[in-house]
C-alpha atoms as a PDB file:
ATOM      1  CA  UNK A   1      -1.744   3.424  19.023  1.00  0.00           C
ATOM      2  CA  UNK A   2      -0.533   2.464  15.484  1.00  0.00           C
ATOM      3  CA  UNK A   3      -1.033   4.857  12.585  1.00  0.00           C
ATOM      4  CA  UNK A   4      -1.743   3.016   9.254  1.00  0.00           C
ATOM      5  CA  UNK A   5      -1.183   4.826   5.991  1.00  0.00           C
ATOM      6  CA  UNK A   6      -2.146   3.213   2.593  1.00  0.00           C
ATOM      7  CA  UNK A   7      -0.301   4.456  -0.431  1.00  0.00           C
ATOM      8  CA  UNK A   8      -0.446   3.423  -4.050  1.00  0.00           C
ATOM      9  CA  UNK A   9      -0.024   4.758  -7.548  1.00  0.00           C
ATOM     10  CA  UNK A  10      -2.426   3.844 -10.307  1.00  0.00           C
ATOM     11  CA  UNK A  11      -3.418   4.504 -13.884  1.00  0.00           C
ATOM     12  CA  UNK A  12      -6.233   7.009 -14.391  1.00  0.00           C
ATOM     13  CA  UNK A  13      -8.592   4.011 -14.716  1.00  0.00           C
ATOM     14  CA  UNK A  14      -7.595   2.699 -11.350  1.00  0.00           C
ATOM     15  CA  UNK A  15      -5.097  -0.145 -12.043  1.00  0.00           C
ATOM     16  CA  UNK A  16      -2.082  -0.494  -9.570  1.00  0.00           C
ATOM     17  CA  UNK A  17      -0.322  -2.703 -12.161  1.00  0.00           C
ATOM     18  CA  UNK A  18      -0.732  -3.807 -15.732  1.00  0.00           C
ATOM     19  CA  UNK A  19      -0.510  -7.481 -14.575  1.00  0.00           C
ATOM     20  CA  UNK A  20       0.660  -9.531 -11.591  1.00  0.00           C
ATOM     21  CA  UNK A  21       4.380  -9.023 -11.302  1.00  0.00           C
ATOM     22  CA  UNK A  22       4.406  -5.599 -13.020  1.00  0.00           C
ATOM     23  CA  UNK A  23       6.579  -3.101 -11.165  1.00  0.00           C
ATOM     24  CA  UNK A  24       4.884   0.313 -10.988  1.00  0.00           C
ATOM     25  CA  UNK A  25       8.323   1.909 -10.691  1.00  0.00           C
ATOM     26  CA  UNK A  26       8.596   1.354 -14.512  1.00  0.00           C
ATOM     27  CA  UNK A  27       5.632   3.553 -15.218  1.00  0.00           C
ATOM     28  CA  UNK A  28       5.231   6.052 -12.319  1.00  0.00           C
ATOM     29  CA  UNK A  29       6.446   9.645 -12.472  1.00  0.00           C
ATOM     30  CA  UNK A  30       9.670  10.795 -10.742  1.00  0.00           C
ATOM     31  CA  UNK A  31       7.367  13.048  -8.481  1.00  0.00           C
ATOM     32  CA  UNK A  32       5.442   9.950  -7.359  1.00  0.00           C
ATOM     33  CA  UNK A  33       8.625   7.970  -6.764  1.00  0.00           C
ATOM     34  CA  UNK A  34      10.018  10.922  -4.623  1.00  0.00           C
ATOM     35  CA  UNK A  35       6.674  11.014  -2.686  1.00  0.00           C
ATOM     36  CA  UNK A  36       6.878   7.298  -2.014  1.00  0.00           C
ATOM     37  CA  UNK A  37      10.445   7.616  -0.681  1.00  0.00           C
ATOM     38  CA  UNK A  38       9.248  10.400   1.644  1.00  0.00           C
ATOM     39  CA  UNK A  39       6.451   8.182   2.956  1.00  0.00           C
ATOM     40  CA  UNK A  40       8.831   5.246   3.425  1.00  0.00           C
ATOM     41  CA  UNK A  41      11.134   7.510   5.438  1.00  0.00           C
ATOM     42  CA  UNK A  42       8.294   8.817   7.612  1.00  0.00           C
ATOM     43  CA  UNK A  43       6.920   5.371   8.543  1.00  0.00           C
ATOM     44  CA  UNK A  44       8.767   2.803  10.708  1.00  0.00           C
ATOM     45  CA  UNK A  45       7.331  -0.360   9.038  1.00  0.00           C
ATOM     46  CA  UNK A  46       6.131  -1.310   5.562  1.00  0.00           C
ATOM     47  CA  UNK A  47       3.371  -3.965   5.038  1.00  0.00           C
ATOM     48  CA  UNK A  48       2.967  -5.679   1.620  1.00  0.00           C
ATOM     49  CA  UNK A  49       2.160  -8.853  -0.171  1.00  0.00           C
ATOM     50  CA  UNK A  50       4.816 -11.288  -1.181  1.00  0.00           C
ATOM     51  CA  UNK A  51       4.874 -10.145  -4.860  1.00  0.00           C
ATOM     52  CA  UNK A  52       5.311  -6.497  -3.992  1.00  0.00           C
ATOM     53  CA  UNK A  53       8.137  -7.462  -1.593  1.00  0.00           C
ATOM     54  CA  UNK A  54       9.887  -9.560  -4.295  1.00  0.00           C
ATOM     55  CA  UNK A  55       9.578  -6.742  -6.831  1.00  0.00           C
ATOM     56  CA  UNK A  56      11.171  -4.215  -4.545  1.00  0.00           C
ATOM     57  CA  UNK A  57      13.585  -5.964  -2.181  1.00  0.00           C
ATOM     58  CA  UNK A  58      15.371  -3.857   0.396  1.00  0.00           C
ATOM     59  CA  UNK A  59      17.127  -5.530   3.313  1.00  0.00           C
ATOM     60  CA  UNK A  60      17.431  -2.253   5.295  1.00  0.00           C
ATOM     61  CA  UNK A  61      13.724  -1.693   5.699  1.00  0.00           C
ATOM     62  CA  UNK A  62      11.409  -3.102   8.427  1.00  0.00           C
ATOM     63  CA  UNK A  63       8.747  -5.086   6.623  1.00  0.00           C
ATOM     64  CA  UNK A  64       5.857  -7.390   7.388  1.00  0.00           C
ATOM     65  CA  UNK A  65       5.046  -9.482   4.265  1.00  0.00           C
ATOM     66  CA  UNK A  66       1.531 -11.085   4.140  1.00  0.00           C
ATOM     67  CA  UNK A  67       1.866 -14.546   2.832  1.00  0.00           C
ATOM     68  CA  UNK A  68      -0.789 -17.223   3.107  1.00  0.00           C
ATOM     69  CA  UNK A  69       1.919 -19.882   2.664  1.00  0.00           C
ATOM     70  CA  UNK A  70       3.477 -19.122   6.023  1.00  0.00           C
ATOM     71  CA  UNK A  71       2.290 -21.216   8.921  1.00  0.00           C
ATOM     72  CA  UNK A  72       3.922 -19.128  11.598  1.00  0.00           C
ATOM     73  CA  UNK A  73       5.445 -15.588  11.886  1.00  0.00           C
ATOM     74  CA  UNK A  74       9.008 -16.022  10.879  1.00  0.00           C
ATOM     75  CA  UNK A  75      11.945 -14.050   9.474  1.00  0.00           C
ATOM     76  CA  UNK A  76      11.958 -14.005   5.639  1.00  0.00           C
ATOM     77  CA  UNK A  77      15.786 -14.417   5.680  1.00  0.00           C
ATOM     78  CA  UNK A  78      17.666 -15.404   8.747  1.00  0.00           C
ATOM     79  CA  UNK A  79      20.470 -12.930   7.779  1.00  0.00           C
ATOM     80  CA  UNK A  80      17.948  -9.982   7.599  1.00  0.00           C
ATOM     81  CA  UNK A  81      16.363  -8.871  10.820  1.00  0.00           C
ATOM     82  CA  UNK A  82      13.033  -7.019  10.998  1.00  0.00           C
ATOM     83  CA  UNK A  83      11.407  -8.686   7.861  1.00  0.00           C
ATOM     84  CA  UNK A  84       8.830 -11.141   8.655  1.00  0.00           C
ATOM     85  CA  UNK A  85       6.210 -13.329   6.920  1.00  0.00           C
ATOM     86  CA  UNK A  86       2.729 -12.953   8.448  1.00  0.00           C
ATOM     87  CA  UNK A  87      -0.295 -15.030   7.550  1.00  0.00           C
ATOM     88  CA  UNK A  88      -3.406 -12.802   8.325  1.00  0.00           C
ATOM     89  CA  UNK A  89      -5.584 -15.921   8.099  1.00  0.00           C
ATOM     90  CA  UNK A  90      -3.691 -17.745  10.907  1.00  0.00           C
ATOM     91  CA  UNK A  91      -2.048 -15.255  13.156  1.00  0.00           C
ATOM     92  CA  UNK A  92      -3.586 -12.976  15.745  1.00  0.00           C
ATOM     93  CA  UNK A  93      -3.603  -9.327  15.044  1.00  0.00           C
ATOM     94  CA  UNK A  94      -1.975  -8.426  18.424  1.00  0.00           C
ATOM     95  CA  UNK A  95       1.069 -10.431  17.220  1.00  0.00           C
ATOM     96  CA  UNK A  96       1.271  -8.096  14.169  1.00  0.00           C
ATOM     97  CA  UNK A  97       0.904  -5.026  16.569  1.00  0.00           C
ATOM     98  CA  UNK A  98       3.597  -6.406  18.863  1.00  0.00           C
ATOM     99  CA  UNK A  99       6.007  -6.175  15.944  1.00  0.00           C
ATOM    100  CA  UNK A 100       4.939  -2.811  14.610  1.00  0.00           C
ATOM    101  CA  UNK A 101       4.611  -0.239  17.369  1.00  0.00           C
ATOM    102  CA  UNK A 102       4.163   3.156  15.673  1.00  0.00           C
ATOM    103  CA  UNK A 103       3.711   4.108  11.985  1.00  0.00           C
ATOM    104  CA  UNK A 104       2.928   1.543   9.214  1.00  0.00           C
ATOM    105  CA  UNK A 105       2.943   2.103   5.579  1.00  0.00           C
ATOM    106  CA  UNK A 106       0.689  -0.174   3.588  1.00  0.00           C
ATOM    107  CA  UNK A 107       2.031  -0.809   0.133  1.00  0.00           C
ATOM    108  CA  UNK A 108      -0.068  -3.459  -1.504  1.00  0.00           C
ATOM    109  CA  UNK A 109      -1.118  -5.296  -3.465  1.00  0.00           C
ATOM    110  CA  UNK A 110      -4.912  -5.667  -3.824  1.00  0.00           C
ATOM    111  CA  UNK A 111      -5.474  -8.302  -1.152  1.00  0.00           C
ATOM    112  CA  UNK A 112      -3.309  -6.369   1.401  1.00  0.00           C
ATOM    113  CA  UNK A 113      -5.367  -3.185   0.563  1.00  0.00           C
ATOM    114  CA  UNK A 114      -8.505  -5.171   1.074  1.00  0.00           C
ATOM    115  CA  UNK A 115      -7.374  -6.516   4.409  1.00  0.00           C
ATOM    116  CA  UNK A 116      -6.731  -3.132   5.866  1.00  0.00           C
ATOM    117  CA  UNK A 117      -9.779  -1.460   4.344  1.00  0.00           C
ATOM    118  CA  UNK A 118     -12.215  -4.143   5.646  1.00  0.00           C
ATOM    119  CA  UNK A 119     -10.548  -4.309   9.077  1.00  0.00           C
ATOM    120  CA  UNK A 120     -11.151  -0.468   9.208  1.00  0.00           C
ATOM    121  CA  UNK A 121      -7.538   0.230  10.075  1.00  0.00           C
ATOM    122  CA  UNK A 122      -6.576   2.876   7.509  1.00  0.00           C
ATOM    123  CA  UNK A 123      -5.998   6.347   9.047  1.00  0.00           C
ATOM    124  CA  UNK A 124      -4.809   8.073   5.912  1.00  0.00           C
ATOM    125  CA  UNK A 125      -4.292   7.245   2.334  1.00  0.00           C
ATOM    126  CA  UNK A 126      -2.339   8.602  -0.606  1.00  0.00           C
ATOM    127  CA  UNK A 127      -3.280   7.802  -4.105  1.00  0.00           C
ATOM    128  CA  UNK A 128      -1.181   9.022  -7.037  1.00  0.00           C
ATOM    129  CA  UNK A 129      -2.998   8.943 -10.288  1.00  0.00           C
ATOM    130  CA  UNK A 130      -0.782   8.859 -13.356  1.00  0.00           C
ATOM    131  CA  UNK A 131      -2.038  10.176 -16.662  1.00  0.00           C
ATOM    132  CA  UNK A 132      -1.925   6.639 -18.204  1.00  0.00           C
ATOM    133  CA  UNK A 133      -4.607   4.323 -19.131  1.00  0.00           C
ATOM    134  CA  UNK A 134      -4.315   0.550 -19.092  1.00  0.00           C
ATOM    135  CA  UNK A 135      -6.646  -1.738 -20.996  1.00  0.00           C
ATOM    136  CA  UNK A 136      -6.610  -4.203 -18.137  1.00  0.00           C
ATOM    137  CA  UNK A 137      -4.774  -4.673 -14.951  1.00  0.00           C
ATOM    138  CA  UNK A 138      -4.684  -5.258 -11.156  1.00  0.00           C
ATOM    139  CA  UNK A 139      -7.223  -3.152  -9.378  1.00  0.00           C
ATOM    140  CA  UNK A 140      -6.452  -1.253  -6.133  1.00  0.00           C
ATOM    141  CA  UNK A 141      -9.340  -2.859  -4.265  1.00  0.00           C
ATOM    142  CA  UNK A 142     -11.339  -6.093  -5.087  1.00  0.00           C
ATOM    143  CA  UNK A 143     -14.797  -4.784  -4.417  1.00  0.00           C
ATOM    144  CA  UNK A 144     -14.734  -1.052  -5.023  1.00  0.00           C
ATOM    145  CA  UNK A 145     -14.738   0.441  -8.611  1.00  0.00           C
ATOM    146  CA  UNK A 146     -12.068   3.072  -8.880  1.00  0.00           C
ATOM    147  CA  UNK A 147     -14.614   5.804  -9.779  1.00  0.00           C
ATOM    148  CA  UNK A 148     -16.320   5.003  -6.405  1.00  0.00           C
ATOM    149  CA  UNK A 149     -13.169   5.326  -4.221  1.00  0.00           C
ATOM    150  CA  UNK A 150     -13.594   8.996  -3.440  1.00  0.00           C
ATOM    151  CA  UNK A 151     -17.266   8.766  -2.461  1.00  0.00           C
ATOM    152  CA  UNK A 152     -16.681   5.531  -0.596  1.00  0.00           C
ATOM    153  CA  UNK A 153     -13.960   7.077   1.609  1.00  0.00           C
ATOM    154  CA  UNK A 154     -15.984  10.245   2.072  1.00  0.00           C
ATOM    155  CA  UNK A 155     -18.843   8.085   3.494  1.00  0.00           C
ATOM    156  CA  UNK A 156     -16.383   6.313   5.786  1.00  0.00           C
ATOM    157  CA  UNK A 157     -15.446   9.801   7.301  1.00  0.00           C
ATOM    158  CA  UNK A 158     -12.313  10.819   5.329  1.00  0.00           C
ATOM    159  CA  UNK A 159     -11.533  14.237   3.855  1.00  0.00           C
ATOM    160  CA  UNK A 160      -9.725  14.399   0.589  1.00  0.00           C
ATOM    161  CA  UNK A 161      -7.323  17.016  -0.872  1.00  0.00           C
ATOM    162  CA  UNK A 162      -5.953  16.897  -4.377  1.00  0.00           C
ATOM    163  CA  UNK A 163      -2.831  18.440  -5.908  1.00  0.00           C
ATOM    164  CA  UNK A 164      -1.051  18.274  -9.194  1.00  0.00           C
ATOM    165  CA  UNK A 165       2.436  16.809  -9.020  1.00  0.00           C
ATOM    166  CA  UNK A 166       3.764  17.768 -12.498  1.00  0.00           C
ATOM    167  CA  UNK A 167       2.856  19.338 -15.812  1.00  0.00           C
ATOM    168  CA  UNK A 168       1.993  15.894 -17.227  1.00  0.00           C
ATOM    169  CA  UNK A 169      -1.094  15.651 -15.173  1.00  0.00           C
ATOM    170  CA  UNK A 170       0.100  13.334 -12.303  1.00  0.00           C
ATOM    171  CA  UNK A 171      -2.313  13.936  -9.438  1.00  0.00           C
ATOM    172  CA  UNK A 172      -1.967  13.179  -5.777  1.00  0.00           C
ATOM    173  CA  UNK A 173      -5.043  12.671  -3.562  1.00  0.00           C
ATOM    174  CA  UNK A 174      -4.480  12.676   0.192  1.00  0.00           C
ATOM    175  CA  UNK A 175      -7.268  11.174   2.305  1.00  0.00           C
ATOM    176  CA  UNK A 176      -7.338  11.726   6.045  1.00  0.00           C
ATOM    177  CA  UNK A 177      -9.775  10.378   8.623  1.00  0.00           C
ATOM    178  CA  UNK A 178     -11.716  13.170  10.141  1.00  0.00           C
END
């Protein structure tokens, strides 16, 4: 059985980016960046959207990149093995699970978060809340207001533990399915 972990950093008002194409690495804390590296090392595969992949290329990591422009599962680059385009609208889920056998880290963006949320596949989730506020931006989920995330996941049977990551107020919330 595959274990799915969703992880994202956001502003205190719930935006995962200031705009499409914004790289959170530019505004997240060192503590969050270290936490993300640790999660990447703990999970065999990463799943993300095309923009997230293009903002953070790494040919050494196993990746499934959701892309609606892909008409079949294919290597992103013939010279890089274990990185595939996958269209969730066209491809069967068992094809995905035949590629990813163990632990999968879901890295975003919004539509990728939504897919795993509404398919009820998330086993655990890490949200890093940075002490920043953006006037506008890209939400973590399309249909859940950020202030409702904790109650929503409690209703879905998750426990939540919070801890402070640094003196600036960066907070990490770890959700686990009970």
